[in-house]
Amino acid sequence: MPTRLRQNLEDVRHRISGARERGEHAAAAVRLVVVTKSAPPDVFGLLQAAGVADVGENRVQAASERKPGAPAGLTWHGIGHLQRNKVARAIDVFDVFHALDSTRLARRLEAVLGDADRSWPVYLQVNAAADPAKGGIAPEETIAFVKELAVLPHLDCQGFMTMGRLESDEADCRAAFALLRELRDDVVRLGVGETAPAGLSMGMTDDYEWAVEEGATVVRVGRAVFEGVWDDSDAGEPRP
């Protein structure tokens, strides 16, 4: 295994641990999803050997091509926008989906999952930063959307996902993350759905420590893991 890859992973884990200790709202545990976009195909074995259990891809086609050659036992996370005509393939390749951003997509997923008689863990994407460059529902639509998901039996709502604005400062990022946490708390308090969707998928390379301090239960980190490992690496997180 490249020494730099192991060092980077250790650094990211250390920073997550430190953020958990500092954060007033930090979760008891934080799941690290390593975003493998643009990393070479042999990276999955290296990551698993370093203790990584979760990998993230933002494109269905890329994940479909890469997963068969990866070792078994990894959990595959879909973290990018999903077109409705790729729903069946996404359900087949991803174990968890982080970007459920519309009722139309939810209904399409439910129809395909119902035929397959299985449930699928999903995160509802909220545009907490009010960024026109990003997808997701508006914050004020969150509770209504969760209520709609509650009657779709094959969608297992794990929680909520958001992203900070590109090149935004710490205060703006924290405000978006705190808003998502507050929305989650509202949903849990109201008892929407059979089980509380308590997860918060938020934070990437530039802001994951702030996200952890604000309550993230999942962070999606790519560039910080692969920086300096390959000279031609452009691995990183998607920016829908």
Protein backbone atom coordinates (compact mmCIF):
# COMPACT_ATOMS: atom_id res chain seq x y z
CA MET A 1 0.00 0.00 0.00
CA PRO A 2 1.28 3.51 -0.80
CA THR A 3 2.58 5.03 2.43
CA ARG A 4 0.99 8.37 1.57
CA LEU A 5 -2.47 6.79 1.27
CA ARG A 6 -2.21 5.23 4.73
CA GLN A 7 -0.92 8.51 6.18
CA ASN A 8 -3.75 10.47 4.59
CA LEU A 9 -6.35 8.08 5.96
CA GLU A 10 -4.83 8.27 9.42
CA ASP A 11 -4.87 12.06 9.23
CA VAL A 12 -8.53 12.19 8.15
CA ARG A 13 -9.55 9.80 10.91
CA HIS A 14 -7.56 11.79 13.45
CA ARG A 15 -9.23 15.02 12.34
CA ILE A 16 -12.67 13.41 12.57
CA SER A 17 -11.88 12.23 16.09
CA GLY A 18 -10.67 15.67 17.09
CA ALA A 19 -13.74 17.34 15.65
CA ARG A 20 -15.97 14.94 17.57
CA GLU A 21 -14.21 15.86 20.80
CA ARG A 22 -14.54 19.60 20.10
CA GLY A 23 -18.08 19.70 18.77
CA GLU A 24 -20.93 20.52 21.10
CA HIS A 25 -23.35 18.83 18.68
CA ALA A 26 -21.03 16.04 17.49
CA ALA A 27 -22.46 12.56 16.99
CA ALA A 28 -21.33 9.55 18.99
CA ALA A 29 -19.91 7.96 15.82
CA VAL A 30 -19.03 9.26 12.35
CA ARG A 31 -18.91 7.05 9.26
CA LEU A 32 -16.17 7.86 6.74
CA VAL A 33 -17.17 7.30 3.11
CA VAL A 34 -14.08 7.50 0.89
CA VAL A 35 -15.02 9.05 -2.44
CA THR A 36 -13.19 7.03 -5.08
CA LYS A 37 -14.09 9.09 -8.13
CA SER A 38 -11.16 9.07 -10.60
CA ALA A 39 -8.94 6.90 -8.41
CA PRO A 40 -7.43 3.88 -10.23
CA PRO A 41 -9.34 0.58 -10.14
CA ASP A 42 -6.91 -1.12 -7.76
CA VAL A 43 -7.64 1.43 -5.05
CA PHE A 44 -10.51 -0.58 -3.55
CA GLY A 45 -8.29 -3.38 -2.33
CA LEU A 46 -5.85 -0.87 -0.87
CA LEU A 47 -8.62 0.96 0.95
CA GLN A 48 -10.10 -2.23 2.36
CA ALA A 49 -6.66 -3.30 3.59
CA ALA A 50 -6.44 0.06 5.40
CA GLY A 51 -9.72 -0.56 7.21
CA VAL A 52 -12.05 1.40 4.92
CA ALA A 53 -15.52 -0.13 4.79
CA ASP A 54 -17.42 2.50 2.77
CA VAL A 55 -16.72 3.89 -0.70
CA GLY A 56 -18.64 6.49 -2.65
CA GLU A 57 -19.18 7.05 -6.37
CA ASN A 58 -21.28 9.77 -7.96
CA ARG A 59 -21.91 8.13 -11.34
CA VAL A 60 -23.90 4.94 -11.80
CA GLN A 61 -22.00 3.91 -14.93
CA ALA A 62 -18.60 4.28 -13.27
CA ALA A 63 -19.69 2.33 -10.21
CA SER A 64 -21.16 -0.43 -12.39
CA GLU A 65 -17.84 -0.81 -14.19
CA ARG A 66 -15.65 -0.66 -11.09
CA LYS A 67 -17.57 -2.68 -8.52
CA PRO A 68 -17.14 -6.15 -10.16
CA GLY A 69 -13.36 -5.86 -9.86
CA ALA A 70 -13.43 -4.61 -6.27
CA PRO A 71 -13.16 -6.90 -3.26
CA ALA A 72 -16.34 -8.11 -1.59
CA GLY A 73 -17.40 -6.61 1.68
CA LEU A 74 -17.30 -2.92 0.80
CA THR A 75 -20.45 -0.82 1.18
CA TRP A 76 -21.07 1.24 -1.96
CA HIS A 77 -22.64 4.70 -1.57
CA GLY A 78 -24.25 6.61 -4.43
CA ILE A 79 -23.54 10.26 -3.75
CA GLY A 80 -24.42 12.08 -6.97
CA HIS A 81 -27.57 13.13 -8.79
CA LEU A 82 -29.53 10.17 -10.16
CA GLN A 83 -31.47 10.30 -13.42
CA ARG A 84 -34.73 8.40 -13.34
CA ASN A 85 -33.77 6.29 -16.35
CA LYS A 86 -30.82 4.88 -14.37
CA VAL A 87 -32.77 3.94 -11.27
CA ALA A 88 -32.72 0.17 -11.80
CA ARG A 89 -28.97 0.10 -12.34
CA ALA A 90 -28.36 2.36 -9.33
CA ILE A 91 -30.39 0.10 -7.07
CA ASP A 92 -28.35 -2.86 -8.29
CA VAL A 93 -24.93 -1.29 -7.72
CA PHE A 94 -25.35 0.98 -4.67
CA ASP A 95 -26.03 -0.18 -1.13
CA VAL A 96 -26.92 3.32 0.11
CA PHE A 97 -28.07 6.41 -1.79
CA HIS A 98 -27.38 9.95 -0.55
CA ALA A 99 -29.09 12.20 -3.09
CA LEU A 100 -32.85 11.63 -3.08
CA ASP A 101 -33.88 15.08 -4.24
CA SER A 102 -37.44 14.93 -5.58
CA THR A 103 -40.77 13.20 -5.11
CA ARG A 104 -40.70 12.11 -8.78
CA LEU A 105 -37.46 10.25 -8.18
CA ALA A 106 -38.83 8.79 -4.95
CA ARG A 107 -41.89 7.41 -6.73
CA ARG A 108 -39.76 5.93 -9.50
CA LEU A 109 -37.49 4.27 -6.95
CA GLU A 110 -40.48 2.88 -5.07
CA ALA A 111 -41.91 1.35 -8.25
CA VAL A 112 -38.65 -0.42 -9.13
CA LEU A 113 -37.96 -1.51 -5.56
CA GLY A 114 -41.49 -2.82 -5.19
CA ASP A 115 -41.01 -5.07 -8.19
CA ALA A 116 -37.75 -6.31 -6.67
CA ASP A 117 -39.35 -6.68 -3.23
CA ARG A 118 -36.50 -5.02 -1.34
CA SER A 119 -35.88 -1.81 0.57
CA TRP A 120 -33.11 0.69 -0.12
CA PRO A 121 -31.42 3.00 2.42
CA VAL A 122 -31.62 6.61 1.26
CA TYR A 123 -30.76 10.11 2.46
CA LEU A 124 -32.98 13.02 1.53
CA GLN A 125 -30.94 15.79 -0.11
CA VAL A 126 -31.69 19.25 1.26
CA ASN A 127 -30.26 22.43 -0.24
CA ALA A 128 -29.52 23.87 3.18
CA ALA A 129 -27.02 26.38 1.74
CA ALA A 130 -29.64 27.77 -0.68
CA ASP A 131 -27.09 27.28 -3.46
CA PRO A 132 -28.59 27.53 -6.96
CA ALA A 133 -25.71 25.40 -8.28
CA LYS A 134 -26.77 22.41 -6.18
CA GLY A 135 -29.74 20.09 -6.14
CA GLY A 136 -31.96 19.18 -3.26
CA ILE A 137 -35.27 20.26 -1.84
CA ALA A 138 -35.73 23.56 -0.06
CA PRO A 139 -35.42 23.37 3.74
CA GLU A 140 -39.05 24.36 4.26
CA GLU A 141 -40.16 21.35 2.21
CA THR A 142 -38.31 18.82 4.35
CA ILE A 143 -41.05 17.70 6.73
CA ALA A 144 -43.60 17.34 3.93
CA PHE A 145 -41.13 15.28 1.89
CA VAL A 146 -40.37 12.97 4.82
CA LYS A 147 -44.09 12.41 5.29
CA GLU A 148 -44.36 11.42 1.60
CA LEU A 149 -41.45 9.00 1.98
CA ALA A 150 -43.08 7.45 5.02
CA VAL A 151 -45.82 5.94 2.84
CA LEU A 152 -43.32 4.46 0.36
CA PRO A 153 -42.47 1.16 2.07
CA HIS A 154 -39.42 0.26 0.01
CA LEU A 155 -37.50 3.48 0.71
CA ASP A 156 -35.66 3.30 4.02
CA CYS A 157 -34.99 6.92 4.96
CA GLN A 158 -31.75 7.03 6.92
CA GLY A 159 -31.57 10.80 7.29
CA PHE A 160 -30.55 13.91 5.37
CA MET A 161 -27.71 15.06 3.13
CA THR A 162 -26.42 18.50 2.23
CA MET A 163 -23.33 20.28 0.88
CA GLY A 164 -21.79 23.63 1.70
CA ARG A 165 -21.39 26.23 -0.99
CA LEU A 166 -18.22 26.16 -3.06
CA GLU A 167 -15.58 28.48 -1.59
CA SER A 168 -17.89 29.55 1.23
CA ASP A 169 -16.41 30.60 4.55
CA GLU A 170 -16.63 28.71 7.82
CA ALA A 171 -19.63 30.63 9.12
CA ASP A 172 -21.70 29.91 6.01
CA CYS A 173 -20.77 26.23 6.00
CA ARG A 174 -21.59 25.84 9.66
CA ALA A 175 -24.92 27.62 9.18
CA ALA A 176 -25.93 25.15 6.46
CA PHE A 177 -24.86 22.16 8.55
CA ALA A 178 -26.60 23.48 11.66
CA LEU A 179 -29.78 24.08 9.68
CA LEU A 180 -29.79 20.48 8.47
CA ARG A 181 -29.27 19.26 12.02
CA GLU A 182 -32.19 21.39 13.23
CA LEU A 183 -34.41 20.07 10.43
CA ARG A 184 -33.47 16.53 11.40
CA ASP A 185 -34.28 17.27 15.01
CA ASP A 186 -37.69 18.66 14.00
CA VAL A 187 -38.50 15.51 12.03
CA VAL A 188 -37.43 13.27 14.90
CA ARG A 189 -39.38 15.33 17.43
CA LEU A 190 -42.53 15.16 15.31
CA GLY A 191 -42.17 11.40 14.97
CA VAL A 192 -42.52 11.38 11.19
CA GLY A 193 -42.30 7.84 9.82
CA GLU A 194 -41.96 4.52 11.62
CA THR A 195 -38.29 5.06 12.52
CA ALA A 196 -36.51 8.36 13.13
CA PRO A 197 -34.30 9.33 10.14
CA ALA A 198 -31.48 10.52 12.37
CA GLY A 199 -28.51 10.43 9.97
CA LEU A 200 -26.72 13.55 8.72
CA SER A 201 -24.58 13.04 5.61
CA MET A 202 -22.61 16.27 5.31
CA GLY A 203 -19.02 17.39 5.00
CA MET A 204 -16.36 16.88 2.32
CA THR A 205 -12.62 17.56 2.13
CA ASP A 206 -12.82 21.32 2.62
CA ASP A 207 -15.36 21.33 5.44
CA TYR A 208 -15.74 17.87 7.01
CA GLU A 209 -14.32 18.92 10.38
CA TRP A 210 -16.92 21.69 10.69
CA ALA A 211 -19.60 19.22 9.62
CA VAL A 212 -18.56 16.74 12.31
CA GLU A 213 -18.62 19.47 14.94
CA GLU A 214 -22.14 20.36 13.81
CA GLY A 215 -23.42 16.78 14.07
CA ALA A 216 -22.54 14.86 10.88
CA THR A 217 -22.93 11.10 11.16
CA VAL A 218 -21.45 10.53 7.68
CA VAL A 219 -18.71 12.47 5.89
CA ARG A 220 -17.82 11.97 2.23
CA VAL A 221 -14.10 12.61 1.70
CA GLY A 222 -12.04 12.03 -1.43
CA ARG A 223 -9.35 14.62 -2.14
CA ALA A 224 -7.91 14.60 1.40
CA VAL A 225 -7.53 10.81 1.19
CA PHE A 226 -5.83 10.71 -2.21
CA GLU A 227 -3.82 13.93 -2.21
CA GLY A 228 -0.23 13.21 -3.21
CA VAL A 229 -0.80 9.47 -3.65
CA TRP A 230 -0.77 9.51 -7.47
CA ASP A 231 0.80 12.27 -9.49
CA ASP A 232 -2.14 12.31 -11.90
CA SER A 233 -4.85 11.84 -9.27
CA ASP A 234 -7.82 14.14 -9.46
CA ALA A 235 -9.91 12.10 -7.04
CA GLY A 236 -12.44 14.19 -5.23
CA GLU A 237 -16.01 14.73 -4.22
CA PRO A 238 -18.76 15.45 -6.71
CA ARG A 239 -20.15 18.95 -6.86
CA PRO A 240 -23.60 18.61 -8.39
